[in-house]
PDB file of all heavy atoms in Angstrom:
ATOM      1  N   GLY A   1     -36.790   5.201  11.176  1.00  0.00           N
ATOM      2  CA  GLY A   1     -35.562   5.828  11.669  1.00  0.00           C
ATOM      3  C   GLY A   1     -34.262   5.293  10.980  1.00  0.00           C
ATOM      4  O   GLY A   1     -33.155   5.347  11.552  1.00  0.00           O
ATOM      5  N   VAL A   2     -34.462   4.990   9.687  1.00  0.00           N
ATOM      6  CA  VAL A   2     -33.373   4.514   8.902  1.00  0.00           C
ATOM      7  C   VAL A   2     -33.011   5.541   7.786  1.00  0.00           C
ATOM      8  O   VAL A   2     -33.943   5.904   7.014  1.00  0.00           O
ATOM      9  CB  VAL A   2     -33.611   3.048   8.352  1.00  0.00           C
ATOM     10  CG1 VAL A   2     -32.482   2.592   7.343  1.00  0.00           C
ATOM     11  CG2 VAL A   2     -33.787   2.050   9.413  1.00  0.00           C
ATOM     12  N   LYS A   3     -31.591   5.821   7.390  1.00  0.00           N
ATOM     13  CA  LYS A   3     -31.365   6.625   6.355  1.00  0.00           C
ATOM     14  C   LYS A   3     -31.112   5.696   4.997  1.00  0.00           C
ATOM     15  O   LYS A   3     -30.659   4.631   5.128  1.00  0.00           O
ATOM     16  CB  LYS A   3     -30.051   7.252   6.640  1.00  0.00           C
ATOM     17  CG  LYS A   3     -30.248   8.355   7.643  1.00  0.00           C
ATOM     18  CD  LYS A   3     -30.577   9.690   6.819  1.00  0.00           C
ATOM     19  CE  LYS A   3     -30.482  10.933   7.790  1.00  0.00           C
ATOM     20  NZ  LYS A   3     -30.797  12.110   6.919  1.00  0.00           N
ATOM     21  N   MET A   4     -31.486   6.128   3.853  1.00  0.00           N
ATOM     22  CA  MET A   4     -31.299   5.530   2.736  1.00  0.00           C
ATOM     23  C   MET A   4     -29.943   5.947   2.162  1.00  0.00           C
ATOM     24  O   MET A   4     -29.699   7.246   2.352  1.00  0.00           O
ATOM     25  CB  MET A   4     -32.284   5.728   1.682  1.00  0.00           C
ATOM     26  CG  MET A   4     -33.745   5.225   2.083  1.00  0.00           C
ATOM     27  SD  MET A   4     -33.605   3.368   2.392  1.00  0.00           S
ATOM     28  CE  MET A   4     -33.120   2.766   0.869  1.00  0.00           C
ATOM     29  N   ILE A   5     -29.113   5.076   1.572  1.00  0.00           N
ATOM     30  CA  ILE A   5     -27.902   5.578   1.012  1.00  0.00           C
ATOM     31  C   ILE A   5     -27.973   5.370  -0.492  1.00  0.00           C
ATOM     32  O   ILE A   5     -28.327   4.432  -1.117  1.00  0.00           O
ATOM     33  CB  ILE A   5     -26.779   4.592   1.546  1.00  0.00           C
ATOM     34  CG1 ILE A   5     -26.570   4.801   3.016  1.00  0.00           C
ATOM     35  CG2 ILE A   5     -25.296   4.889   0.892  1.00  0.00           C
ATOM     36  CD1 ILE A   5     -25.494   3.976   3.721  1.00  0.00           C
ATOM     37  N   MET A   6     -27.538   6.494  -1.183  1.00  0.00           N
ATOM     38  CA  MET A   6     -27.660   6.496  -2.599  1.00  0.00           C
ATOM     39  C   MET A   6     -26.543   5.755  -3.279  1.00  0.00           C
ATOM     40  O   MET A   6     -25.487   5.579  -2.767  1.00  0.00           O
ATOM     41  CB  MET A   6     -27.631   8.033  -3.052  1.00  0.00           C
ATOM     42  CG  MET A   6     -27.828   8.299  -4.470  1.00  0.00           C
ATOM     43  SD  MET A   6     -29.236   7.449  -5.400  1.00  0.00           S
ATOM     44  CE  MET A   6     -30.502   8.495  -4.699  1.00  0.00           C
ATOM     45  N   HIS A   7     -26.739   5.341  -4.570  1.00  0.00           N
ATOM     46  CA  HIS A   7     -25.775   4.757  -5.397  1.00  0.00           C
ATOM     47  C   HIS A   7     -25.686   5.419  -6.791  1.00  0.00           C
ATOM     48  O   HIS A   7     -26.726   5.391  -7.360  1.00  0.00           O
ATOM     49  CB  HIS A   7     -26.117   3.244  -5.631  1.00  0.00           C
ATOM     50  CG  HIS A   7     -24.917   2.579  -6.406  1.00  0.00           C
ATOM     51  ND1 HIS A   7     -25.262   1.824  -7.510  1.00  0.00           N
ATOM     52  CD2 HIS A   7     -23.677   2.450  -6.217  1.00  0.00           C
ATOM     53  CE1 HIS A   7     -24.093   1.370  -8.030  1.00  0.00           C
ATOM     54  NE2 HIS A   7     -23.149   1.691  -7.248  1.00  0.00           N
ATOM     55  N   HIS A   8     -24.614   5.920  -7.041  1.00  0.00           N
ATOM     56  CA  HIS A   8     -24.280   6.474  -8.419  1.00  0.00           C
ATOM     57  C   HIS A   8     -23.189   5.743  -9.021  1.00  0.00           C
ATOM     58  O   HIS A   8     -22.073   6.026  -8.999  1.00  0.00           O
ATOM     59  CB  HIS A   8     -23.868   8.028  -8.267  1.00  0.00           C
ATOM     60  CG  HIS A   8     -24.879   8.864  -7.870  1.00  0.00           C
ATOM     61  ND1 HIS A   8     -24.654  10.230  -7.314  1.00  0.00           N
ATOM     62  CD2 HIS A   8     -26.420   8.824  -7.683  1.00  0.00           C
ATOM     63  CE1 HIS A   8     -25.781  10.720  -7.035  1.00  0.00           C
ATOM     64  NE2 HIS A   8     -26.888   9.875  -7.370  1.00  0.00           N
ATOM     65  N   GLU A   9     -23.576   4.720  -9.834  1.00  0.00           N
ATOM     66  CA  GLU A   9     -22.509   4.197 -10.887  1.00  0.00           C
ATOM     67  C   GLU A   9     -22.378   5.082 -12.043  1.00  0.00           C
ATOM     68  O   GLU A   9     -23.314   5.447 -12.623  1.00  0.00           O
ATOM     69  CB  GLU A   9     -23.033   2.670 -11.194  1.00  0.00           C
ATOM     70  CG  GLU A   9     -22.020   1.987 -12.277  1.00  0.00           C
ATOM     71  CD  GLU A   9     -20.589   1.927 -11.716  1.00  0.00           C
ATOM     72  OE1 GLU A   9     -20.348   1.393 -10.562  1.00  0.00           O
ATOM     73  OE2 GLU A   9     -19.689   2.506 -12.432  1.00  0.00           O
ATOM     74  N   THR A  10     -21.087   5.373 -12.385  1.00  0.00           N
ATOM     75  CA  THR A  10     -20.956   6.091 -13.631  1.00  0.00           C
ATOM     76  C   THR A  10     -20.477   5.401 -14.780  1.00  0.00           C
ATOM     77  O   THR A  10     -20.504   5.931 -15.925  1.00  0.00           O
ATOM     78  CB  THR A  10     -19.873   7.244 -13.252  1.00  0.00           C
ATOM     79  OG1 THR A  10     -18.539   6.499 -13.138  1.00  0.00           O
ATOM     80  CG2 THR A  10     -20.207   7.960 -11.967  1.00  0.00           C
ATOM     81  N   SER A  11     -20.210   4.184 -14.621  1.00  0.00           N
ATOM     82  CA  SER A  11     -19.590   3.304 -15.805  1.00  0.00           C
ATOM     83  C   SER A  11     -18.353   3.918 -16.328  1.00  0.00           C
ATOM     84  O   SER A  11     -18.097   3.884 -17.543  1.00  0.00           O
ATOM     85  CB  SER A  11     -20.621   3.022 -16.886  1.00  0.00           C
ATOM     86  OG  SER A  11     -20.157   2.093 -17.737  1.00  0.00           O
ATOM     87  N   GLY A  12     -17.687   4.711 -15.484  1.00  0.00           N
ATOM     88  CA  GLY A  12     -16.511   5.400 -15.959  1.00  0.00           C
ATOM     89  C   GLY A  12     -16.756   6.660 -16.767  1.00  0.00           C
ATOM     90  O   GLY A  12     -15.722   7.396 -17.148  1.00  0.00           O
ATOM     91  N   SER A  13     -17.973   7.079 -17.068  1.00  0.00           N
ATOM     92  CA  SER A  13     -18.279   8.283 -17.782  1.00  0.00           C
ATOM     93  C   SER A  13     -18.345   9.522 -16.970  1.00  0.00           C
ATOM     94  O   SER A  13     -19.387   9.899 -16.537  1.00  0.00           O
ATOM     95  CB  SER A  13     -19.825   8.029 -18.519  1.00  0.00           C
ATOM     96  OG  SER A  13     -20.012   9.118 -19.324  1.00  0.00           O
ATOM     97  N   THR A  14     -17.239  10.018 -16.846  1.00  0.00           N
ATOM     98  CA  THR A  14     -16.999  11.060 -15.780  1.00  0.00           C
ATOM     99  C   THR A  14     -17.683  12.411 -16.276  1.00  0.00           C
ATOM    100  O   THR A  14     -18.162  13.159 -15.652  1.00  0.00           O
ATOM    101  CB  THR A  14     -15.492  11.341 -15.686  1.00  0.00           C
ATOM    102  OG1 THR A  14     -14.800  11.750 -16.954  1.00  0.00           O
ATOM    103  CG2 THR A  14     -14.876  10.193 -14.946  1.00  0.00           C
ATOM    104  N   ARG A  15     -17.621  12.722 -17.620  1.00  0.00           N
ATOM    105  CA  ARG A  15     -18.315  13.925 -18.115  1.00  0.00           C
ATOM    106  C   ARG A  15     -19.776  13.867 -17.972  1.00  0.00           C
ATOM    107  O   ARG A  15     -20.347  14.903 -17.535  1.00  0.00           O
ATOM    108  CB  ARG A  15     -17.906  14.276 -19.560  1.00  0.00           C
ATOM    109  CG  ARG A  15     -16.558  14.551 -19.875  1.00  0.00           C
ATOM    110  CD  ARG A  15     -16.262  14.772 -21.281  1.00  0.00           C
ATOM    111  NE  ARG A  15     -16.769  13.865 -22.206  1.00  0.00           N
ATOM    112  CZ  ARG A  15     -16.937  13.983 -23.514  1.00  0.00           C
ATOM    113  NH1 ARG A  15     -16.539  15.198 -24.059  1.00  0.00           N
ATOM    114  NH2 ARG A  15     -17.445  13.074 -24.244  1.00  0.00           N
ATOM    115  N   ASN A  16     -20.353  12.738 -18.084  1.00  0.00           N
ATOM    116  CA  ASN A  16     -21.724  12.684 -17.876  1.00  0.00           C
ATOM    117  C   ASN A  16     -22.147  12.842 -16.469  1.00  0.00           C
ATOM    118  O   ASN A  16     -23.174  13.393 -16.247  1.00  0.00           O
ATOM    119  CB  ASN A  16     -22.193  11.226 -18.399  1.00  0.00           C
ATOM    120  CG  ASN A  16     -23.737  10.943 -18.137  1.00  0.00           C
ATOM    121  OD1 ASN A  16     -24.601  11.713 -18.806  1.00  0.00           O
ATOM    122  ND2 ASN A  16     -24.089   9.838 -17.375  1.00  0.00           N
ATOM    123  N   TYR A  17     -21.260  12.346 -15.576  1.00  0.00           N
ATOM    124  CA  TYR A  17     -21.680  12.414 -14.240  1.00  0.00           C
ATOM    125  C   TYR A  17     -21.528  14.027 -13.673  1.00  0.00           C
ATOM    126  O   TYR A  17     -22.463  14.497 -12.981  1.00  0.00           O
ATOM    127  CB  TYR A  17     -20.601  11.586 -13.294  1.00  0.00           C
ATOM    128  CG  TYR A  17     -20.953  11.450 -11.940  1.00  0.00           C
ATOM    129  CD1 TYR A  17     -22.378  11.533 -11.510  1.00  0.00           C
ATOM    130  CD2 TYR A  17     -20.018  11.290 -10.819  1.00  0.00           C
ATOM    131  CE1 TYR A  17     -22.700  11.308 -10.073  1.00  0.00           C
ATOM    132  CE2 TYR A  17     -20.406  11.263  -9.568  1.00  0.00           C
ATOM    133  CZ  TYR A  17     -21.672  11.067  -9.052  1.00  0.00           C
ATOM    134  OH  TYR A  17     -22.057  11.040  -7.814  1.00  0.00           O
ATOM    135  N   GLU A  18     -20.526  14.562 -14.227  1.00  0.00           N
ATOM    136  CA  GLU A  18     -20.384  16.044 -13.868  1.00  0.00           C
ATOM    137  C   GLU A  18     -21.551  16.770 -14.480  1.00  0.00           C
ATOM    138  O   GLU A  18     -22.007  17.885 -13.877  1.00  0.00           O
ATOM    139  CB  GLU A  18     -19.080  16.609 -14.425  1.00  0.00           C
ATOM    140  CG  GLU A  18     -17.862  16.136 -13.730  1.00  0.00           C
ATOM    141  CD  GLU A  18     -16.558  16.615 -14.190  1.00  0.00           C
ATOM    142  OE1 GLU A  18     -16.559  17.613 -15.048  1.00  0.00           O
ATOM    143  OE2 GLU A  18     -15.532  16.152 -13.818  1.00  0.00           O
ATOM    144  N   ARG A  19     -22.047  16.428 -15.667  1.00  0.00           N
ATOM    145  CA  ARG A  19     -23.230  17.216 -16.199  1.00  0.00           C
ATOM    146  C   ARG A  19     -24.491  17.060 -15.232  1.00  0.00           C
ATOM    147  O   ARG A  19     -25.311  17.906 -15.208  1.00  0.00           O
ATOM    148  CB  ARG A  19     -23.610  16.714 -17.540  1.00  0.00           C
ATOM    149  CG  ARG A  19     -22.564  17.077 -18.714  1.00  0.00           C
ATOM    150  CD  ARG A  19     -23.187  16.942 -20.086  1.00  0.00           C
ATOM    151  NE  ARG A  19     -23.380  15.432 -20.236  1.00  0.00           N
ATOM    152  CZ  ARG A  19     -22.521  14.778 -20.922  1.00  0.00           C
ATOM    153  NH1 ARG A  19     -21.340  15.230 -21.455  1.00  0.00           N
ATOM    154  NH2 ARG A  19     -22.801  13.522 -21.221  1.00  0.00           N
ATOM    155  N   HIS A  20     -24.621  15.905 -14.710  1.00  0.00           N
ATOM    156  CA  HIS A  20     -25.740  15.672 -13.857  1.00  0.00           C
ATOM    157  C   HIS A  20     -25.585  15.785 -12.350  1.00  0.00           C
ATOM    158  O   HIS A  20     -26.510  15.596 -11.581  1.00  0.00           O
ATOM    159  CB  HIS A  20     -26.146  14.282 -14.063  1.00  0.00           C
ATOM    160  CG  HIS A  20     -26.770  13.932 -15.418  1.00  0.00           C
ATOM    161  ND1 HIS A  20     -25.969  13.501 -16.516  1.00  0.00           N
ATOM    162  CD2 HIS A  20     -28.000  14.012 -15.861  1.00  0.00           C
ATOM    163  CE1 HIS A  20     -26.783  13.446 -17.579  1.00  0.00           C
ATOM    164  NE2 HIS A  20     -28.037  13.606 -17.216  1.00  0.00           N
ATOM    165  N   LEU A  21     -24.308  16.221 -11.902  1.00  0.00           N
ATOM    166  CA  LEU A  21     -24.151  16.331 -10.499  1.00  0.00           C
ATOM    167  C   LEU A  21     -25.047  17.146  -9.632  1.00  0.00           C
ATOM    168  O   LEU A  21     -25.616  16.705  -8.668  1.00  0.00           O
ATOM    169  CB  LEU A  21     -22.724  16.805 -10.169  1.00  0.00           C
ATOM    170  CG  LEU A  21     -21.552  15.746  -9.918  1.00  0.00           C
ATOM    171  CD1 LEU A  21     -20.318  16.305  -9.676  1.00  0.00           C
ATOM    172  CD2 LEU A  21     -21.999  14.643  -8.927  1.00  0.00           C
ATOM    173  N   ASP A  22     -25.255  18.373 -10.040  1.00  0.00           N
ATOM    174  CA  ASP A  22     -26.151  19.226  -9.264  1.00  0.00           C
ATOM    175  C   ASP A  22     -27.660  18.622  -9.203  1.00  0.00           C
ATOM    176  O   ASP A  22     -28.193  18.588  -8.148  1.00  0.00           O
ATOM    177  CB  ASP A  22     -26.227  20.519  -9.901  1.00  0.00           C
ATOM    178  CG  ASP A  22     -24.948  21.516  -9.661  1.00  0.00           C
ATOM    179  OD1 ASP A  22     -24.600  21.742  -8.420  1.00  0.00           O
ATOM    180  OD2 ASP A  22     -24.158  21.704 -10.467  1.00  0.00           O
ATOM    181  N   THR A  23     -28.052  18.154 -10.292  1.00  0.00           N
ATOM    182  CA  THR A  23     -29.409  17.688 -10.394  1.00  0.00           C
ATOM    183  C   THR A  23     -29.563  16.418  -9.354  1.00  0.00           C
ATOM    184  O   THR A  23     -30.338  16.166  -8.757  1.00  0.00           O
ATOM    185  CB  THR A  23     -29.853  17.277 -11.815  1.00  0.00           C
ATOM    186  OG1 THR A  23     -29.811  18.402 -12.501  1.00  0.00           O
ATOM    187  CG2 THR A  23     -31.184  16.654 -11.869  1.00  0.00           C
ATOM    188  N   ALA A  24     -28.518  15.571  -9.522  1.00  0.00           N
ATOM    189  CA  ALA A  24     -28.458  14.261  -8.711  1.00  0.00           C
ATOM    190  C   ALA A  24     -28.343  14.628  -7.256  1.00  0.00           C
ATOM    191  O   ALA A  24     -29.063  13.968  -6.475  1.00  0.00           O
ATOM    192  CB  ALA A  24     -27.230  13.389  -9.178  1.00  0.00           C
ATOM    193  N   PHE A  25     -27.487  15.670  -6.750  1.00  0.00           N
ATOM    194  CA  PHE A  25     -27.350  15.946  -5.445  1.00  0.00           C
ATOM    195  C   PHE A  25     -28.592  16.684  -4.853  1.00  0.00           C
ATOM    196  O   PHE A  25     -29.069  16.468  -3.834  1.00  0.00           O
ATOM    197  CB  PHE A  25     -26.124  16.826  -5.267  1.00  0.00           C
ATOM    198  CG  PHE A  25     -24.853  16.022  -5.272  1.00  0.00           C
ATOM    199  CD1 PHE A  25     -23.671  16.705  -5.538  1.00  0.00           C
ATOM    200  CD2 PHE A  25     -24.846  14.612  -5.227  1.00  0.00           C
ATOM    201  CE1 PHE A  25     -22.470  15.960  -5.665  1.00  0.00           C
ATOM    202  CE2 PHE A  25     -23.615  13.988  -5.299  1.00  0.00           C
ATOM    203  CZ  PHE A  25     -22.523  14.541  -5.547  1.00  0.00           C
ATOM    204  N   GLN A  26     -29.345  17.420  -5.738  1.00  0.00           N
ATOM    205  CA  GLN A  26     -30.643  18.047  -5.349  1.00  0.00           C
ATOM    206  C   GLN A  26     -31.615  16.971  -5.133  1.00  0.00           C
ATOM    207  O   GLN A  26     -32.476  17.075  -4.153  1.00  0.00           O
ATOM    208  CB  GLN A  26     -30.976  18.993  -6.351  1.00  0.00           C
ATOM    209  CG  GLN A  26     -30.050  20.326  -6.525  1.00  0.00           C
ATOM    210  CD  GLN A  26     -30.355  21.087  -7.762  1.00  0.00           C
ATOM    211  OE1 GLN A  26     -31.267  20.879  -8.606  1.00  0.00           O
ATOM    212  NE2 GLN A  26     -29.492  22.051  -7.931  1.00  0.00           N
ATOM    213  N   PHE A  27     -31.711  15.993  -5.965  1.00  0.00           N
ATOM    214  CA  PHE A  27     -32.492  14.868  -5.816  1.00  0.00           C
ATOM    215  C   PHE A  27     -32.361  14.157  -4.478  1.00  0.00           C
ATOM    216  O   PHE A  27     -33.203  13.817  -3.731  1.00  0.00           O
ATOM    217  CB  PHE A  27     -32.375  13.844  -6.963  1.00  0.00           C
ATOM    218  CG  PHE A  27     -33.127  12.661  -7.011  1.00  0.00           C
ATOM    219  CD1 PHE A  27     -34.474  12.615  -7.499  1.00  0.00           C
ATOM    220  CD2 PHE A  27     -32.719  11.561  -6.419  1.00  0.00           C
ATOM    221  CE1 PHE A  27     -35.185  11.656  -7.511  1.00  0.00           C
ATOM    222  CE2 PHE A  27     -33.511  10.304  -6.363  1.00  0.00           C
ATOM    223  CZ  PHE A  27     -34.801  10.328  -6.984  1.00  0.00           C
ATOM    224  N   MET A  28     -30.925  13.933  -3.992  1.00  0.00           N
ATOM    225  CA  MET A  28     -30.633  13.389  -2.935  1.00  0.00           C
ATOM    226  C   MET A  28     -31.106  14.209  -1.595  1.00  0.00           C
ATOM    227  O   MET A  28     -31.709  13.687  -0.680  1.00  0.00           O
ATOM    228  CB  MET A  28     -29.042  13.068  -2.758  1.00  0.00           C
ATOM    229  CG  MET A  28     -28.576  11.980  -3.651  1.00  0.00           C
ATOM    230  SD  MET A  28     -26.819  11.872  -3.452  1.00  0.00           S
ATOM    231  CE  MET A  28     -26.662  11.479  -1.773  1.00  0.00           C
ATOM    232  N   ASN A  29     -30.842  15.569  -1.661  1.00  0.00           N
ATOM    233  CA  ASN A  29     -31.344  16.338  -0.697  1.00  0.00           C
ATOM    234  C   ASN A  29     -32.836  16.267  -0.443  1.00  0.00           C
ATOM    235  O   ASN A  29     -33.404  16.199   0.613  1.00  0.00           O
ATOM    236  CB  ASN A  29     -30.992  17.837  -0.960  1.00  0.00           C
ATOM    237  CG  ASN A  29     -29.495  18.144  -0.749  1.00  0.00           C
ATOM    238  OD1 ASN A  29     -29.024  19.087  -1.162  1.00  0.00           O
ATOM    239  ND2 ASN A  29     -28.847  17.272  -0.024  1.00  0.00           N
ATOM    240  N   LYS A  30     -33.550  16.243  -1.639  1.00  0.00           N
ATOM    241  CA  LYS A  30     -35.069  16.171  -1.535  1.00  0.00           C
ATOM    242  C   LYS A  30     -35.614  14.905  -0.879  1.00  0.00           C
ATOM    243  O   LYS A  30     -36.587  14.978   0.072  1.00  0.00           O
ATOM    244  CB  LYS A  30     -35.554  16.203  -2.956  1.00  0.00           C
ATOM    245  CG  LYS A  30     -37.128  16.150  -2.992  1.00  0.00           C
ATOM    246  CD  LYS A  30     -37.542  16.086  -4.495  1.00  0.00           C
ATOM    247  CE  LYS A  30     -39.130  16.054  -4.473  1.00  0.00           C
ATOM    248  NZ  LYS A  30     -39.661  16.121  -5.874  1.00  0.00           N
ATOM    249  N   TYR A  31     -34.829  13.795  -1.101  1.00  0.00           N
ATOM    250  CA  TYR A  31     -35.300  12.583  -0.506  1.00  0.00           C
ATOM    251  C   TYR A  31     -34.416  12.132   0.691  1.00  0.00           C
ATOM    252  O   TYR A  31     -34.582  10.876   1.094  1.00  0.00           O
ATOM    253  CB  TYR A  31     -35.390  11.574  -1.634  1.00  0.00           C
ATOM    254  CG  TYR A  31     -36.526  11.699  -2.500  1.00  0.00           C
ATOM    255  CD1 TYR A  31     -36.225  12.098  -3.883  1.00  0.00           C
ATOM    256  CD2 TYR A  31     -37.773  11.536  -2.261  1.00  0.00           C
ATOM    257  CE1 TYR A  31     -37.201  12.429  -4.756  1.00  0.00           C
ATOM    258  CE2 TYR A  31     -38.879  11.857  -3.173  1.00  0.00           C
ATOM    259  CZ  TYR A  31     -38.542  12.310  -4.443  1.00  0.00           C
ATOM    260  OH  TYR A  31     -39.444  12.564  -5.381  1.00  0.00           O
ATOM    261  N   ASP A  32     -33.796  12.935   1.237  1.00  0.00           N
ATOM    262  CA  ASP A  32     -32.977  12.728   2.472  1.00  0.00           C
ATOM    263  C   ASP A  32     -32.014  11.754   2.444  1.00  0.00           C
ATOM    264  O   ASP A  32     -31.597  10.957   3.409  1.00  0.00           O
ATOM    265  CB  ASP A  32     -34.049  12.344   3.701  1.00  0.00           C
ATOM    266  CG  ASP A  32     -33.574  12.595   4.927  1.00  0.00           C
ATOM    267  OD1 ASP A  32     -32.576  13.615   5.126  1.00  0.00           O
ATOM    268  OD2 ASP A  32     -33.990  12.029   6.013  1.00  0.00           O
ATOM    269  N   TYR A  33     -31.286  11.660   1.345  1.00  0.00           N
ATOM    270  CA  TYR A  33     -30.083  10.772   1.242  1.00  0.00           C
ATOM    271  C   TYR A  33     -28.753  11.675   1.529  1.00  0.00           C
ATOM    272  O   TYR A  33     -28.573  12.708   0.975  1.00  0.00           O
ATOM    273  CB  TYR A  33     -29.904  10.274  -0.159  1.00  0.00           C
ATOM    274  CG  TYR A  33     -30.906   9.335  -0.620  1.00  0.00           C
ATOM    275  CD1 TYR A  33     -32.140   9.607  -1.289  1.00  0.00           C
ATOM    276  CD2 TYR A  33     -30.471   7.927  -0.695  1.00  0.00           C
ATOM    277  CE1 TYR A  33     -32.946   8.646  -1.712  1.00  0.00           C
ATOM    278  CE2 TYR A  33     -31.265   6.960  -1.220  1.00  0.00           C
ATOM    279  CZ  TYR A  33     -32.580   7.388  -1.639  1.00  0.00           C
ATOM    280  OH  TYR A  33     -33.497   6.305  -2.157  1.00  0.00           O
ATOM    281  N   ASP A  34     -28.150  11.364   2.620  1.00  0.00           N
ATOM    282  CA  ASP A  34     -27.008  12.081   3.016  1.00  0.00           C
ATOM    283  C   ASP A  34     -25.593  11.478   2.607  1.00  0.00           C
ATOM    284  O   ASP A  34     -24.517  12.122   3.015  1.00  0.00           O
ATOM    285  CB  ASP A  34     -27.105  12.628   4.425  1.00  0.00           C
ATOM    286  CG  ASP A  34     -27.101  11.315   5.382  1.00  0.00           C
ATOM    287  OD1 ASP A  34     -26.780  10.176   4.970  1.00  0.00           O
ATOM    288  OD2 ASP A  34     -27.344  11.530   6.511  1.00  0.00           O
ATOM    289  N   ALA A  35     -25.733  10.449   1.982  1.00  0.00           N
ATOM    290  CA  ALA A  35     -24.276   9.646   1.480  1.00  0.00           C
ATOM    291  C   ALA A  35     -24.693   9.007   0.182  1.00  0.00           C
ATOM    292  O   ALA A  35     -25.632   8.538  -0.054  1.00  0.00           O
ATOM    293  CB  ALA A  35     -24.038   8.668   2.658  1.00  0.00           C
ATOM    294  N   VAL A  36     -23.642   9.019  -0.565  1.00  0.00           N
ATOM    295  CA  VAL A  36     -23.589   8.326  -1.873  1.00  0.00           C
ATOM    296  C   VAL A  36     -22.470   7.406  -2.101  1.00  0.00           C
ATOM    297  O   VAL A  36     -21.262   7.844  -1.790  1.00  0.00           O
ATOM    298  CB  VAL A  36     -23.819   9.345  -2.920  1.00  0.00           C
ATOM    299  CG1 VAL A  36     -22.641  10.367  -3.122  1.00  0.00           C
ATOM    300  CG2 VAL A  36     -23.945   8.559  -4.384  1.00  0.00           C
ATOM    301  N   LYS A  37     -22.643   6.279  -2.608  1.00  0.00           N
ATOM    302  CA  LYS A  37     -21.550   5.272  -3.114  1.00  0.00           C
ATOM    303  C   LYS A  37     -21.523   5.585  -4.414  1.00  0.00           C
ATOM    304  O   LYS A  37     -22.353   5.270  -5.319  1.00  0.00           O
ATOM    305  CB  LYS A  37     -21.862   3.843  -2.688  1.00  0.00           C
ATOM    306  CG  LYS A  37     -20.866   2.854  -3.322  1.00  0.00           C
ATOM    307  CD  LYS A  37     -21.412   1.515  -3.075  1.00  0.00           C
ATOM    308  CE  LYS A  37     -20.435   0.455  -3.787  1.00  0.00           C
ATOM    309  NZ  LYS A  37     -20.971  -0.913  -3.561  1.00  0.00           N
ATOM    310  N   THR A  38     -20.308   6.151  -5.020  1.00  0.00           N
ATOM    311  CA  THR A  38     -20.177   6.367  -6.416  1.00  0.00           C
ATOM    312  C   THR A  38     -19.230   5.205  -6.907  1.00  0.00           C
ATOM    313  O   THR A  38     -18.535   4.509  -6.254  1.00  0.00           O
ATOM    314  CB  THR A  38     -19.255   7.648  -6.717  1.00  0.00           C
ATOM    315  OG1 THR A  38     -17.920   7.607  -5.909  1.00  0.00           O
ATOM    316  CG2 THR A  38     -19.987   8.826  -6.207  1.00  0.00           C
ATOM    317  N   GLY A  39     -19.424   4.856  -8.237  1.00  0.00           N
ATOM    318  CA  GLY A  39     -18.599   3.855  -8.923  1.00  0.00           C
ATOM    319  C   GLY A  39     -18.104   4.201 -10.270  1.00  0.00           C
ATOM    320  O   GLY A  39     -18.722   4.970 -10.975  1.00  0.00           O
ATOM    321  N   TYR A  40     -16.924   3.669 -10.558  1.00  0.00           N
ATOM    322  CA  TYR A  40     -16.267   3.987 -11.876  1.00  0.00           C
ATOM    323  C   TYR A  40     -15.720   2.665 -12.430  1.00  0.00           C
ATOM    324  O   TYR A  40     -14.634   2.531 -12.897  1.00  0.00           O
ATOM    325  CB  TYR A  40     -15.176   4.923 -11.634  1.00  0.00           C
ATOM    326  CG  TYR A  40     -15.414   6.259 -11.192  1.00  0.00           C
ATOM    327  CD1 TYR A  40     -15.604   6.468  -9.777  1.00  0.00           C
ATOM    328  CD2 TYR A  40     -15.762   7.275 -12.012  1.00  0.00           C
ATOM    329  CE1 TYR A  40     -16.062   7.760  -9.252  1.00  0.00           C
ATOM    330  CE2 TYR A  40     -16.179   8.518 -11.482  1.00  0.00           C
ATOM    331  CZ  TYR A  40     -16.321   8.765 -10.129  1.00  0.00           C
ATOM    332  OH  TYR A  40     -16.727   9.883  -9.621  1.00  0.00           O
ATOM    333  N   VAL A  41     -16.854   1.651 -12.644  1.00  0.00           N
ATOM    334  CA  VAL A  41     -16.462   0.430 -13.230  1.00  0.00           C
ATOM    335  C   VAL A  41     -16.201   0.607 -14.769  1.00  0.00           C
ATOM    336  O   VAL A  41     -17.109   1.287 -15.531  1.00  0.00           O
ATOM    337  CB  VAL A  41     -17.586  -0.532 -12.907  1.00  0.00           C
ATOM    338  CG1 VAL A  41     -17.265  -1.867 -13.638  1.00  0.00           C
ATOM    339  CG2 VAL A  41     -17.772  -0.809 -11.486  1.00  0.00           C
ATOM    340  N   GLY A  42     -15.204   0.030 -15.241  1.00  0.00           N
ATOM    341  CA  GLY A  42     -14.998  -0.086 -16.648  1.00  0.00           C
ATOM    342  C   GLY A  42     -14.048   1.002 -17.122  1.00  0.00           C
ATOM    343  O   GLY A  42     -13.569   1.853 -16.242  1.00  0.00           O
TER     344      GLY A  42
END
């Protein structure tokens, strides 16, 4: 009865994240992650 929370560190690479967003969010939907912590370190 516990939800997993996703983590998406981008290392500041915004274009790379945008290229992968749909695939990453579809992956989250498949494995029942309904929240993500994003990061922009660097």
